[in-house]
């Protein structure tokens, strides 16, 4: 069996903890989970009198 090596750049929103690979019948399948988008939250900012 021969060995090979290949490197891939992951997208900026990829979650490194959710990357997996499977090799079956000579086909390599990569699954890359993406991080949930940050949700903007509204907040009240008090305005002082003065």
Protein backbone atom coordinates (compact mmCIF):
# COMPACT_ATOMS: atom_id res chain seq x y z
CA UNK A 1 0.00 0.00 0.00
CA UNK A 2 1.38 3.41 -0.92
CA UNK A 3 1.26 6.46 1.30
CA UNK A 4 0.26 9.92 0.25
CA UNK A 5 -0.18 13.26 1.93
CA UNK A 6 -2.34 16.26 1.11
CA UNK A 7 -3.11 19.44 3.03
CA UNK A 8 -6.31 21.49 2.90
CA UNK A 9 -7.05 24.98 4.12
CA UNK A 10 -10.23 25.15 6.15
CA UNK A 11 -12.68 28.03 5.80
CA UNK A 12 -12.48 30.76 8.43
CA UNK A 13 -15.75 29.62 10.04
CA UNK A 14 -14.72 25.94 10.29
CA UNK A 15 -14.84 24.35 13.74
CA UNK A 16 -11.61 22.31 14.10
CA UNK A 17 -13.25 20.10 16.74
CA UNK A 18 -15.89 19.05 14.18
CA UNK A 19 -13.65 17.86 11.33
CA UNK A 20 -13.73 14.17 10.46
CA UNK A 21 -12.48 11.97 7.64
CA UNK A 22 -13.50 8.56 6.34
CA UNK A 23 -11.68 6.37 3.82
CA UNK A 24 -13.88 3.76 2.17
CA UNK A 25 -13.19 1.87 -1.05
CA UNK A 26 -10.38 4.30 -1.93
CA UNK A 27 -12.59 7.40 -1.54
CA UNK A 28 -11.68 9.93 1.13
CA UNK A 29 -14.65 11.86 2.51
CA UNK A 30 -14.04 14.94 4.68
CA UNK A 31 -16.75 16.46 6.82
CA UNK A 32 -16.11 19.97 8.09
CA UNK A 33 -18.46 21.38 10.70
CA UNK A 34 -18.91 25.09 10.74
CA UNK A 35 -19.13 27.29 13.79
CA UNK A 36 -22.50 28.86 14.49
CA UNK A 37 -22.63 32.47 13.34
CA UNK A 38 -22.46 35.03 16.08
CA UNK A 39 -25.84 36.52 16.77
CA UNK A 40 -25.93 40.24 17.40
CA UNK A 41 -27.67 41.09 20.63
CA UNK A 42 -29.46 44.32 21.44
CA UNK A 43 -28.76 46.13 24.63
CA UNK A 44 -29.89 49.35 26.22
CA UNK A 45 -27.31 52.02 26.89
CA UNK A 46 -28.34 54.62 29.45
CA UNK A 47 -27.78 58.26 28.47
CA UNK A 48 -26.89 60.56 31.33
CA UNK A 49 -28.25 64.06 31.68
CA UNK A 50 -25.69 66.67 31.77
